[in-house]
């Protein structure tokens, strides 16, 4: 469980840093990674601020899920709460990301 705890903590911190754009990390990733063409595909939803925040929430949610899984071994109520919060955040952010990607793809066609 210690490995899951460490992975969860790392994902949580990475998601938080990207979401809050600490030290300009989010802007840097948008500028250098997500706004670049991927072969013949134009940049997608993650190249926008809204899209990038959505994907940062997904990373954060996976971190919370891992933390919840690890904490459940020691404190069941807290771990279960983290699992529920992480799952709901992941589900909502996934729907927003899919809708954003579809909207972005349609915008590139016409």
PDB file of N, CA and C in Angstrom:
ATOM      1  N   UNK A   1       0.803  -1.200   0.000  1.00  0.00           N
ATOM      2  CA  UNK A   1       0.000   0.000   0.000  1.00  0.00           C
ATOM      3  C   UNK A   1       0.846   1.263   0.000  1.00  0.00           C
ATOM      4  N   UNK A   2       2.085   1.150   0.448  1.00  0.00           N
ATOM      5  CA  UNK A   2       2.955   2.323   0.478  1.00  0.00           C
ATOM      6  C   UNK A   2       3.221   2.842  -0.929  1.00  0.00           C
ATOM      7  N   UNK A   3       3.332   1.923  -1.897  1.00  0.00           N
ATOM      8  CA  UNK A   3       3.580   2.332  -3.288  1.00  0.00           C
ATOM      9  C   UNK A   3       2.377   3.103  -3.831  1.00  0.00           C
ATOM     10  N   UNK A   4       1.175   2.608  -3.544  1.00  0.00           N
ATOM     11  CA  UNK A   4      -0.038   3.283  -3.996  1.00  0.00           C
ATOM     12  C   UNK A   4      -0.150   4.658  -3.350  1.00  0.00           C
ATOM     13  N   UNK A   5       0.236   4.762  -2.095  1.00  0.00           N
ATOM     14  CA  UNK A   5       0.224   6.039  -1.386  1.00  0.00           C
ATOM     15  C   UNK A   5       1.182   7.031  -2.045  1.00  0.00           C
ATOM     16  N   UNK A   6       2.380   6.579  -2.369  1.00  0.00           N
ATOM     17  CA  UNK A   6       3.375   7.451  -3.007  1.00  0.00           C
ATOM     18  C   UNK A   6       2.905   7.878  -4.394  1.00  0.00           C
ATOM     19  N   UNK A   7       2.384   6.935  -5.178  1.00  0.00           N
ATOM     20  CA  UNK A   7       1.878   7.273  -6.518  1.00  0.00           C
ATOM     21  C   UNK A   7       0.733   8.268  -6.403  1.00  0.00           C
ATOM     22  N   UNK A   8      -0.181   8.023  -5.471  1.00  0.00           N
ATOM     23  CA  UNK A   8      -1.298   8.936  -5.260  1.00  0.00           C
ATOM     24  C   UNK A   8      -0.839  10.328  -4.875  1.00  0.00           C
ATOM     25  N   UNK A   9       0.131  10.394  -3.977  1.00  0.00           N
ATOM     26  CA  UNK A   9       0.648  11.689  -3.532  1.00  0.00           C
ATOM     27  C   UNK A   9       1.320  12.433  -4.693  1.00  0.00           C
ATOM     28  N   UNK A  10       2.102  11.712  -5.488  1.00  0.00           N
ATOM     29  CA  UNK A  10       2.772  12.345  -6.628  1.00  0.00           C
ATOM     30  C   UNK A  10       1.772  12.854  -7.662  1.00  0.00           C
ATOM     31  N   UNK A  11       0.762  12.047  -7.976  1.00  0.00           N
ATOM     32  CA  UNK A  11      -0.262  12.474  -8.932  1.00  0.00           C
ATOM     33  C   UNK A  11      -1.077  13.644  -8.388  1.00  0.00           C
ATOM     34  N   UNK A  12      -1.390  13.589  -7.095  1.00  0.00           N
ATOM     35  CA  UNK A  12      -2.128  14.679  -6.466  1.00  0.00           C
ATOM     36  C   UNK A  12      -1.349  15.984  -6.555  1.00  0.00           C
ATOM     37  N   UNK A  13      -0.075  15.944  -6.198  1.00  0.00           N
ATOM     38  CA  UNK A  13       0.762  17.148  -6.236  1.00  0.00           C
ATOM     39  C   UNK A  13       0.916  17.640  -7.676  1.00  0.00           C
ATOM     40  N   UNK A  14       1.164  16.723  -8.618  1.00  0.00           N
ATOM     41  CA  UNK A  14       1.313  17.127 -10.022  1.00  0.00           C
ATOM     42  C   UNK A  14       0.030  17.770 -10.546  1.00  0.00           C
ATOM     43  N   UNK A  15      -1.106  17.164 -10.243  1.00  0.00           N
ATOM     44  CA  UNK A  15      -2.387  17.726 -10.676  1.00  0.00           C
ATOM     45  C   UNK A  15      -2.639  19.087 -10.068  1.00  0.00           C
ATOM     46  N   UNK A  16      -2.319  19.248  -8.800  1.00  0.00           N
ATOM     47  CA  UNK A  16      -2.504  20.530  -8.120  1.00  0.00           C
ATOM     48  C   UNK A  16      -1.594  21.606  -8.708  1.00  0.00           C
ATOM     49  N   UNK A  17      -0.340  21.261  -8.955  1.00  0.00           N
ATOM     50  CA  UNK A  17       0.612  22.212  -9.546  1.00  0.00           C
ATOM     51  C   UNK A  17       0.127  22.656 -10.923  1.00  0.00           C
ATOM     52  N   UNK A  18      -0.352  21.715 -11.726  1.00  0.00           N
ATOM     53  CA  UNK A  18      -0.839  22.062 -13.062  1.00  0.00           C
ATOM     54  C   UNK A  18      -2.140  22.856 -12.998  1.00  0.00           C
ATOM     55  N   UNK A  19      -3.048  22.452 -12.129  1.00  0.00           N
ATOM     56  CA  UNK A  19      -4.338  23.133 -12.012  1.00  0.00           C
ATOM     57  C   UNK A  19      -4.175  24.573 -11.548  1.00  0.00           C
ATOM     58  N   UNK A  20      -3.315  24.787 -10.571  1.00  0.00           N
ATOM     59  CA  UNK A  20      -3.098  26.131 -10.037  1.00  0.00           C
ATOM     60  C   UNK A  20      -2.037  26.913 -10.807  1.00  0.00           C
ATOM     61  N   UNK A  21      -1.443  26.288 -11.802  1.00  0.00           N
ATOM     62  CA  UNK A  21      -0.399  26.899 -12.626  1.00  0.00           C
ATOM     63  C   UNK A  21       0.745  27.424 -11.758  1.00  0.00           C
ATOM     64  N   UNK A  22       1.119  26.651 -10.749  1.00  0.00           N
ATOM     65  CA  UNK A  22       2.209  27.058  -9.876  1.00  0.00           C
ATOM     66  C   UNK A  22       3.521  27.097 -10.649  1.00  0.00           C
ATOM     67  N   UNK A  23       4.288  28.133 -10.423  1.00  0.00           N
ATOM     68  CA  UNK A  23       5.581  28.336 -11.084  1.00  0.00           C
ATOM     69  C   UNK A  23       5.436  28.381 -12.609  1.00  0.00           C
ATOM     70  N   UNK A  24       4.233  28.653 -13.123  1.00  0.00           N
ATOM     71  CA  UNK A  24       4.002  28.707 -14.562  1.00  0.00           C
ATOM     72  C   UNK A  24       4.035  27.346 -15.237  1.00  0.00           C
ATOM     73  N   UNK A  25       3.899  26.280 -14.446  1.00  0.00           N
ATOM     74  CA  UNK A  25       4.000  24.924 -14.996  1.00  0.00           C
ATOM     75  C   UNK A  25       2.905  24.635 -16.014  1.00  0.00           C
ATOM     76  N   UNK A  26       1.672  25.038 -15.712  1.00  0.00           N
ATOM     77  CA  UNK A  26       0.565  24.800 -16.641  1.00  0.00           C
ATOM     78  C   UNK A  26       0.755  25.539 -17.949  1.00  0.00           C
ATOM     79  N   UNK A  27       1.131  26.798 -17.867  1.00  0.00           N
ATOM     80  CA  UNK A  27       1.363  27.595 -19.077  1.00  0.00           C
ATOM     81  C   UNK A  27       2.495  27.000 -19.911  1.00  0.00           C
ATOM     82  N   UNK A  28       3.529  26.545 -19.233  1.00  0.00           N
ATOM     83  CA  UNK A  28       4.667  25.942 -19.931  1.00  0.00           C
ATOM     84  C   UNK A  28       4.239  24.682 -20.687  1.00  0.00           C
ATOM     85  N   UNK A  29       3.451  23.818 -20.034  1.00  0.00           N
ATOM     86  CA  UNK A  29       2.993  22.585 -20.680  1.00  0.00           C
ATOM     87  C   UNK A  29       2.076  22.897 -21.851  1.00  0.00           C
ATOM     88  N   UNK A  30       1.188  23.874 -21.685  1.00  0.00           N
ATOM     89  CA  UNK A  30       0.315  24.263 -22.805  1.00  0.00           C
ATOM     90  C   UNK A  30       1.152  24.755 -23.973  1.00  0.00           C
ATOM     91  N   UNK A  31       2.107  25.627 -23.686  1.00  0.00           N
ATOM     92  CA  UNK A  31       2.934  26.235 -24.733  1.00  0.00           C
ATOM     93  C   UNK A  31       3.837  25.214 -25.432  1.00  0.00           C
ATOM     94  N   UNK A  32       4.449  24.306 -24.666  1.00  0.00           N
ATOM     95  CA  UNK A  32       5.460  23.406 -25.224  1.00  0.00           C
ATOM     96  C   UNK A  32       4.944  22.031 -25.622  1.00  0.00           C
ATOM     97  N   UNK A  33       3.773  21.609 -25.089  1.00  0.00           N
ATOM     98  CA  UNK A  33       3.306  20.247 -25.354  1.00  0.00           C
ATOM     99  C   UNK A  33       1.930  20.229 -25.988  1.00  0.00           C
ATOM    100  N   UNK A  34       0.922  20.712 -25.276  1.00  0.00           N
ATOM    101  CA  UNK A  34      -0.458  20.502 -25.735  1.00  0.00           C
ATOM    102  C   UNK A  34      -0.865  21.371 -26.915  1.00  0.00           C
ATOM    103  N   UNK A  35      -0.171  22.482 -27.157  1.00  0.00           N
ATOM    104  CA  UNK A  35      -0.546  23.337 -28.289  1.00  0.00           C
ATOM    105  C   UNK A  35       0.223  22.985 -29.562  1.00  0.00           C
ATOM    106  N   UNK A  36       1.041  21.943 -29.527  1.00  0.00           N
ATOM    107  CA  UNK A  36       1.803  21.516 -30.693  1.00  0.00           C
ATOM    108  C   UNK A  36       1.003  20.507 -31.526  1.00  0.00           C
ATOM    109  N   UNK A  37       1.254  20.495 -32.814  1.00  0.00           N
ATOM    110  CA  UNK A  37       0.615  19.513 -33.685  1.00  0.00           C
ATOM    111  C   UNK A  37       1.140  18.123 -33.370  1.00  0.00           C
ATOM    112  N   UNK A  38       0.263  17.140 -33.436  1.00  0.00           N
ATOM    113  CA  UNK A  38       0.623  15.747 -33.233  1.00  0.00           C
ATOM    114  C   UNK A  38       0.494  15.067 -34.590  1.00  0.00           C
ATOM    115  N   UNK A  39       1.576  15.058 -35.322  1.00  0.00           N
ATOM    116  CA  UNK A  39       1.518  14.550 -36.693  1.00  0.00           C
ATOM    117  C   UNK A  39       0.664  15.488 -37.532  1.00  0.00           C
ATOM    118  N   UNK A  40      -0.415  14.973 -38.075  1.00  0.00           N
ATOM    119  CA  UNK A  40      -1.305  15.801 -38.879  1.00  0.00           C
ATOM    120  C   UNK A  40      -2.481  16.338 -38.065  1.00  0.00           C
ATOM    121  N   UNK A  41      -2.585  15.923 -36.806  1.00  0.00           N
ATOM    122  CA  UNK A  41      -3.691  16.378 -35.964  1.00  0.00           C
ATOM    123  C   UNK A  41      -3.385  17.749 -35.365  1.00  0.00           C
ATOM    124  N   UNK A  42      -4.343  18.672 -35.443  1.00  0.00           N
ATOM    125  CA  UNK A  42      -4.133  19.976 -34.814  1.00  0.00           C
ATOM    126  C   UNK A  42      -4.254  19.851 -33.295  1.00  0.00           C
ATOM    127  N   UNK A  43      -3.804  20.860 -32.569  1.00  0.00           N
ATOM    128  CA  UNK A  43      -3.939  20.825 -31.116  1.00  0.00           C
ATOM    129  C   UNK A  43      -5.405  20.667 -30.724  1.00  0.00           C
ATOM    130  N   UNK A  44      -5.658  19.942 -29.668  1.00  0.00           N
ATOM    131  CA  UNK A  44      -7.025  19.675 -29.245  1.00  0.00           C
ATOM    132  C   UNK A  44      -7.450  20.521 -28.062  1.00  0.00           C
ATOM    133  N   UNK A  45      -8.393  19.982 -27.315  1.00  0.00           N
ATOM    134  CA  UNK A  45      -9.010  20.665 -26.180  1.00  0.00           C
ATOM    135  C   UNK A  45      -7.985  21.015 -25.103  1.00  0.00           C
ATOM    136  N   UNK A  46      -6.976  20.191 -24.939  1.00  0.00           N
ATOM    137  CA  UNK A  46      -5.965  20.430 -23.890  1.00  0.00           C
ATOM    138  C   UNK A  46      -5.098  21.647 -24.186  1.00  0.00           C
ATOM    139  N   UNK A  47      -5.163  22.181 -25.406  1.00  0.00           N
ATOM    140  CA  UNK A  47      -4.384  23.369 -25.738  1.00  0.00           C
ATOM    141  C   UNK A  47      -5.049  24.642 -25.208  1.00  0.00           C
ATOM    142  N   UNK A  48      -6.318  24.559 -24.807  1.00  0.00           N
ATOM    143  CA  UNK A  48      -7.011  25.718 -24.237  1.00  0.00           C
ATOM    144  C   UNK A  48      -6.862  25.706 -22.722  1.00  0.00           C
ATOM    145  N   UNK A  49      -7.025  26.864 -22.104  1.00  0.00           N
ATOM    146  CA  UNK A  49      -6.928  26.942 -20.639  1.00  0.00           C
ATOM    147  C   UNK A  49      -7.994  26.063 -19.987  1.00  0.00           C
ATOM    148  N   UNK A  50      -9.228  26.131 -20.505  1.00  0.00           N
ATOM    149  CA  UNK A  50     -10.322  25.333 -19.949  1.00  0.00           C
ATOM    150  C   UNK A  50     -10.029  23.839 -20.086  1.00  0.00           C
ATOM    151  N   UNK A  51      -9.557  23.440 -21.243  1.00  0.00           N
ATOM    152  CA  UNK A  51      -9.241  22.039 -21.477  1.00  0.00           C
ATOM    153  C   UNK A  51      -8.091  21.564 -20.616  1.00  0.00           C
ATOM    154  N   UNK A  52      -7.083  22.395 -20.492  1.00  0.00           N
ATOM    155  CA  UNK A  52      -5.927  22.008 -19.692  1.00  0.00           C
ATOM    156  C   UNK A  52      -6.324  21.838 -18.230  1.00  0.00           C
ATOM    157  N   UNK A  53      -7.165  22.752 -17.732  1.00  0.00           N
ATOM    158  CA  UNK A  53      -7.639  22.625 -16.346  1.00  0.00           C
ATOM    159  C   UNK A  53      -8.437  21.339 -16.161  1.00  0.00           C
ATOM    160  N   UNK A  54      -9.225  20.991 -17.174  1.00  0.00           N
ATOM    161  CA  UNK A  54     -10.014  19.760 -17.093  1.00  0.00           C
ATOM    162  C   UNK A  54      -9.100  18.548 -16.979  1.00  0.00           C
ATOM    163  N   UNK A  55      -8.072  18.494 -17.798  1.00  0.00           N
ATOM    164  CA  UNK A  55      -7.141  17.368 -17.734  1.00  0.00           C
ATOM    165  C   UNK A  55      -6.323  17.383 -16.435  1.00  0.00           C
ATOM    166  N   UNK A  56      -6.020  18.565 -15.908  1.00  0.00           N
ATOM    167  CA  UNK A  56      -5.335  18.646 -14.616  1.00  0.00           C
ATOM    168  C   UNK A  56      -6.226  18.080 -13.511  1.00  0.00           C
ATOM    169  N   UNK A  57      -7.537  18.345 -13.592  1.00  0.00           N
ATOM    170  CA  UNK A  57      -8.476  17.774 -12.616  1.00  0.00           C
ATOM    171  C   UNK A  57      -8.502  16.249 -12.742  1.00  0.00           C
ATOM    172  N   UNK A  58      -8.391  15.734 -13.958  1.00  0.00           N
ATOM    173  CA  UNK A  58      -8.340  14.278 -14.138  1.00  0.00           C
ATOM    174  C   UNK A  58      -7.111  13.685 -13.443  1.00  0.00           C
ATOM    175  N   UNK A  59      -5.973  14.316 -13.595  1.00  0.00           N
ATOM    176  CA  UNK A  59      -4.753  13.841 -12.920  1.00  0.00           C
ATOM    177  C   UNK A  59      -4.938  13.918 -11.408  1.00  0.00           C
ATOM    178  N   UNK A  60      -5.496  15.024 -10.944  1.00  0.00           N
ATOM    179  CA  UNK A  60      -5.762  15.208  -9.522  1.00  0.00           C
ATOM    180  C   UNK A  60      -6.727  14.138  -9.008  1.00  0.00           C
ATOM    181  N   UNK A  61      -7.771  13.835  -9.768  1.00  0.00           N
ATOM    182  CA  UNK A  61      -8.761  12.830  -9.357  1.00  0.00           C
ATOM    183  C   UNK A  61      -8.147  11.438  -9.258  1.00  0.00           C
ATOM    184  N   UNK A  62      -7.276  11.089 -10.188  1.00  0.00           N
ATOM    185  CA  UNK A  62      -6.600   9.792 -10.116  1.00  0.00           C
ATOM    186  C   UNK A  62      -5.706   9.742  -8.873  1.00  0.00           C
ATOM    187  N   UNK A  63      -5.063  10.854  -8.562  1.00  0.00           N
ATOM    188  CA  UNK A  63      -4.261  10.921  -7.339  1.00  0.00           C
ATOM    189  C   UNK A  63      -5.115  10.731  -6.094  1.00  0.00           C
ATOM    190  N   UNK A  64      -6.289  11.350  -6.065  1.00  0.00           N
ATOM    191  CA  UNK A  64      -7.193  11.200  -4.913  1.00  0.00           C
ATOM    192  C   UNK A  64      -7.685   9.756  -4.820  1.00  0.00           C
ATOM    193  N   UNK A  65      -7.989   9.141  -5.970  1.00  0.00           N
ATOM    194  CA  UNK A  65      -8.401   7.731  -5.958  1.00  0.00           C
ATOM    195  C   UNK A  65      -7.303   6.839  -5.369  1.00  0.00           C
ATOM    196  N   UNK A  66      -6.074   7.053  -5.788  1.00  0.00           N
ATOM    197  CA  UNK A  66      -4.952   6.259  -5.259  1.00  0.00           C
ATOM    198  C   UNK A  66      -4.761   6.513  -3.766  1.00  0.00           C
ATOM    199  N   UNK A  67      -4.859   7.777  -3.362  1.00  0.00           N
ATOM    200  CA  UNK A  67      -4.737   8.082  -1.936  1.00  0.00           C
ATOM    201  C   UNK A  67      -5.852   7.411  -1.144  1.00  0.00           C
ATOM    202  N   UNK A  68      -7.067   7.447  -1.681  1.00  0.00           N
ATOM    203  CA  UNK A  68      -8.183   6.804  -1.016  1.00  0.00           C
ATOM    204  C   UNK A  68      -7.985   5.312  -0.877  1.00  0.00           C
ATOM    205  N   UNK A  69      -7.476   4.704  -1.926  1.00  0.00           N
ATOM    206  CA  UNK A  69      -7.213   3.267  -1.887  1.00  0.00           C
ATOM    207  C   UNK A  69      -6.164   2.930  -0.826  1.00  0.00           C
ATOM    208  N   UNK A  70      -5.118   3.734  -0.743  1.00  0.00           N
ATOM    209  CA  UNK A  70      -4.056   3.489   0.227  1.00  0.00           C
ATOM    210  C   UNK A  70      -4.523   3.760   1.659  1.00  0.00           C
ATOM    211  N   UNK A  71      -5.278   4.824   1.845  1.00  0.00           N
ATOM    212  CA  UNK A  71      -5.719   5.210   3.187  1.00  0.00           C
ATOM    213  C   UNK A  71      -6.772   4.246   3.721  1.00  0.00           C
ATOM    214  N   UNK A  72      -7.520   3.593   2.840  1.00  0.00           N
ATOM    215  CA  UNK A  72      -8.558   2.654   3.259  1.00  0.00           C
ATOM    216  C   UNK A  72      -7.990   1.548   4.144  1.00  0.00           C
ATOM    217  N   UNK A  73      -6.750   1.179   3.942  1.00  0.00           N
ATOM    218  CA  UNK A  73      -6.121   0.143   4.753  1.00  0.00           C
ATOM    219  C   UNK A  73      -5.988   0.569   6.217  1.00  0.00           C
ATOM    220  N   UNK A  74      -5.822   1.889   6.456  1.00  0.00           N
ATOM    221  CA  UNK A  74      -5.646   2.374   7.823  1.00  0.00           C
ATOM    222  C   UNK A  74      -6.936   2.955   8.404  1.00  0.00           C
ATOM    223  N   UNK A  75      -7.627   3.743   7.623  1.00  0.00           N
ATOM    224  CA  UNK A  75      -8.827   4.441   8.089  1.00  0.00           C
ATOM    225  C   UNK A  75      -9.922   4.267   7.044  1.00  0.00           C
ATOM    226  N   UNK A  76     -10.769   3.312   7.222  1.00  0.00           N
ATOM    227  CA  UNK A  76     -11.799   2.984   6.231  1.00  0.00           C
ATOM    228  C   UNK A  76     -12.709   4.161   5.883  1.00  0.00           C
ATOM    229  N   UNK A  77     -13.262   4.908   6.839  1.00  0.00           N
ATOM    230  CA  UNK A  77     -14.179   5.993   6.454  1.00  0.00           C
ATOM    231  C   UNK A  77     -13.505   7.082   5.624  1.00  0.00           C
ATOM    232  N   UNK A  78     -12.301   7.470   6.007  1.00  0.00           N
ATOM    233  CA  UNK A  78     -11.583   8.500   5.261  1.00  0.00           C
ATOM    234  C   UNK A  78     -11.224   7.999   3.869  1.00  0.00           C
ATOM    235  N   UNK A  79     -10.734   6.782   3.788  1.00  0.00           N
ATOM    236  CA  UNK A  79     -10.366   6.209   2.496  1.00  0.00           C
ATOM    237  C   UNK A  79     -11.563   6.073   1.582  1.00  0.00           C
ATOM    238  N   UNK A  80     -12.688   5.632   2.136  1.00  0.00           N
ATOM    239  CA  UNK A  80     -13.904   5.490   1.328  1.00  0.00           C
ATOM    240  C   UNK A  80     -14.376   6.848   0.823  1.00  0.00           C
ATOM    241  N   UNK A  81     -14.273   7.855   1.671  1.00  0.00           N
ATOM    242  CA  UNK A  81     -14.653   9.212   1.259  1.00  0.00           C
ATOM    243  C   UNK A  81     -13.783   9.718   0.128  1.00  0.00           C
ATOM    244  N   UNK A  82     -12.481   9.492   0.240  1.00  0.00           N
ATOM    245  CA  UNK A  82     -11.558   9.897  -0.829  1.00  0.00           C
ATOM    246  C   UNK A  82     -11.847   9.148  -2.122  1.00  0.00           C
ATOM    247  N   UNK A  83     -12.168   7.870  -2.009  1.00  0.00           N
ATOM    248  CA  UNK A  83     -12.507   7.089  -3.203  1.00  0.00           C
ATOM    249  C   UNK A  83     -13.746   7.649  -3.892  1.00  0.00           C
ATOM    250  N   UNK A  84     -14.750   7.986  -3.117  1.00  0.00           N
ATOM    251  CA  UNK A  84     -15.985   8.530  -3.692  1.00  0.00           C
ATOM    252  C   UNK A  84     -15.727   9.896  -4.336  1.00  0.00           C
ATOM    253  N   UNK A  85     -15.029  10.771  -3.636  1.00  0.00           N
ATOM    254  CA  UNK A  85     -14.718  12.100  -4.181  1.00  0.00           C
ATOM    255  C   UNK A  85     -13.886  11.977  -5.449  1.00  0.00           C
ATOM    256  N   UNK A  86     -12.873  11.128  -5.421  1.00  0.00           N
ATOM    257  CA  UNK A  86     -12.030  10.931  -6.604  1.00  0.00           C
ATOM    258  C   UNK A  86     -12.795  10.370  -7.779  1.00  0.00           C
ATOM    259  N   UNK A  87     -13.682   9.408  -7.518  1.00  0.00           N
ATOM    260  CA  UNK A  87     -14.464   8.800  -8.597  1.00  0.00           C
ATOM    261  C   UNK A  87     -15.431   9.802  -9.209  1.00  0.00           C
ATOM    262  N   UNK A  88     -16.094  10.592  -8.366  1.00  0.00           N
ATOM    263  CA  UNK A  88     -17.032  11.604  -8.883  1.00  0.00           C
ATOM    264  C   UNK A  88     -16.281  12.660  -9.682  1.00  0.00           C
ATOM    265  N   UNK A  89     -15.163  13.148  -9.159  1.00  0.00           N
ATOM    266  CA  UNK A  89     -14.370  14.151  -9.874  1.00  0.00           C
ATOM    267  C   UNK A  89     -13.878  13.602 -11.205  1.00  0.00           C
ATOM    268  N   UNK A  90     -13.437  12.346 -11.211  1.00  0.00           N
ATOM    269  CA  UNK A  90     -12.951  11.731 -12.444  1.00  0.00           C
ATOM    270  C   UNK A  90     -14.090  11.609 -13.460  1.00  0.00           C
ATOM    271  N   UNK A  91     -15.255  11.172 -13.001  1.00  0.00           N
ATOM    272  CA  UNK A  91     -16.395  11.020 -13.909  1.00  0.00           C
ATOM    273  C   UNK A  91     -16.829  12.332 -14.519  1.00  0.00           C
ATOM    274  N   UNK A  92     -16.971  13.360 -13.701  1.00  0.00           N
ATOM    275  CA  UNK A  92     -17.402  14.670 -14.201  1.00  0.00           C
ATOM    276  C   UNK A  92     -16.356  15.256 -15.146  1.00  0.00           C
ATOM    277  N   UNK A  93     -15.083  15.207 -14.753  1.00  0.00           N
ATOM    278  CA  UNK A  93     -14.020  15.754 -15.596  1.00  0.00           C
ATOM    279  C   UNK A  93     -13.904  14.988 -16.914  1.00  0.00           C
ATOM    280  N   UNK A  94     -14.162  13.686 -16.893  1.00  0.00           N
ATOM    281  CA  UNK A  94     -14.128  12.892 -18.127  1.00  0.00           C
ATOM    282  C   UNK A  94     -15.217  13.335 -19.093  1.00  0.00           C
ATOM    283  N   UNK A  95     -16.418  13.563 -18.580  1.00  0.00           N
ATOM    284  CA  UNK A  95     -17.523  14.027 -19.426  1.00  0.00           C
ATOM    285  C   UNK A  95     -17.196  15.392 -20.021  1.00  0.00           C
ATOM    286  N   UNK A  96     -16.660  16.291 -19.204  1.00  0.00           N
ATOM    287  CA  UNK A  96     -16.292  17.625 -19.685  1.00  0.00           C
ATOM    288  C   UNK A  96     -15.188  17.524 -20.737  1.00  0.00           C
ATOM    289  N   UNK A  97     -14.203  16.662 -20.513  1.00  0.00           N
ATOM    290  CA  UNK A  97     -13.103  16.500 -21.468  1.00  0.00           C
ATOM    291  C   UNK A  97     -13.598  15.934 -22.799  1.00  0.00           C
ATOM    292  N   UNK A  98     -14.459  14.940 -22.751  1.00  0.00           N
ATOM    293  CA  UNK A  98     -14.987  14.353 -23.988  1.00  0.00           C
ATOM    294  C   UNK A  98     -15.804  15.380 -24.756  1.00  0.00           C
ATOM    295  N   UNK A  99     -16.665  16.112 -24.050  1.00  0.00           N
ATOM    296  CA  UNK A  99     -17.467  17.151 -24.714  1.00  0.00           C
ATOM    297  C   UNK A  99     -16.572  18.233 -25.306  1.00  0.00           C
ATOM    298  N   UNK A 100     -15.539  18.618 -24.579  1.00  0.00           N
ATOM    299  CA  UNK A 100     -14.602  19.632 -25.081  1.00  0.00           C
ATOM    300  C   UNK A 100     -13.829  19.164 -26.291  1.00  0.00           C
ATOM    301  N   UNK A 101     -13.404  17.912 -26.285  1.00  0.00           N
ATOM    302  CA  UNK A 101     -12.686  17.368 -27.442  1.00  0.00           C
ATOM    303  C   UNK A 101     -13.584  17.320 -28.669  1.00  0.00           C
ATOM    304  N   UNK A 102     -14.845  16.940 -28.483  1.00  0.00           N
ATOM    305  CA  UNK A 102     -15.793  16.905 -29.610  1.00  0.00           C
ATOM    306  C   UNK A 102     -16.018  18.312 -30.136  1.00  0.00           C
ATOM    307  N   UNK A 103     -16.223  19.262 -29.238  1.00  0.00           N
ATOM    308  CA  UNK A 103     -16.421  20.660 -29.636  1.00  0.00           C
ATOM    309  C   UNK A 103     -15.212  21.190 -30.400  1.00  0.00           C
ATOM    310  N   UNK A 104     -14.017  20.882 -29.918  1.00  0.00           N
ATOM    311  CA  UNK A 104     -12.795  21.329 -30.574  1.00  0.00           C
ATOM    312  C   UNK A 104     -12.625  20.685 -31.931  1.00  0.00           C
ATOM    313  N   UNK A 105     -12.908  19.386 -32.032  1.00  0.00           N
ATOM    314  CA  UNK A 105     -12.779  18.685 -33.317  1.00  0.00           C
ATOM    315  C   UNK A 105     -13.755  19.242 -34.338  1.00  0.00           C
ATOM    316  N   UNK A 106     -14.969  19.534 -33.925  1.00  0.00           N
ATOM    317  CA  UNK A 106     -15.959  20.108 -34.838  1.00  0.00           C
ATOM    318  C   UNK A 106     -15.539  21.496 -35.289  1.00  0.00           C
ATOM    319  N   UNK A 107     -14.896  22.244 -34.402  1.00  0.00           N
ATOM    320  CA  UNK A 107     -14.437  23.579 -34.741  1.00  0.00           C
ATOM    321  C   UNK A 107     -13.320  23.550 -35.782  1.00  0.00           C
ATOM    322  N   UNK A 108     -12.495  22.512 -35.787  1.00  0.00           N
ATOM    323  CA  UNK A 108     -11.408  22.403 -36.756  1.00  0.00           C
ATOM    324  C   UNK A 108     -11.896  21.996 -38.139  1.00  0.00           C
ATOM    325  N   UNK A 109     -13.054  21.341 -38.203  1.00  0.00           N
ATOM    326  CA  UNK A 109     -13.582  20.857 -39.495  1.00  0.00           C
ATOM    327  C   UNK A 109     -14.209  21.967 -40.315  1.00  0.00           C
ATOM    328  N   UNK A 110     -14.855  22.883 -39.651  1.00  0.00           N
ATOM    329  CA  UNK A 110     -15.645  23.835 -40.412  1.00  0.00           C
ATOM    330  C   UNK A 110     -15.157  25.201 -40.319  1.00  0.00           C
TER     331      UNK A 110
END
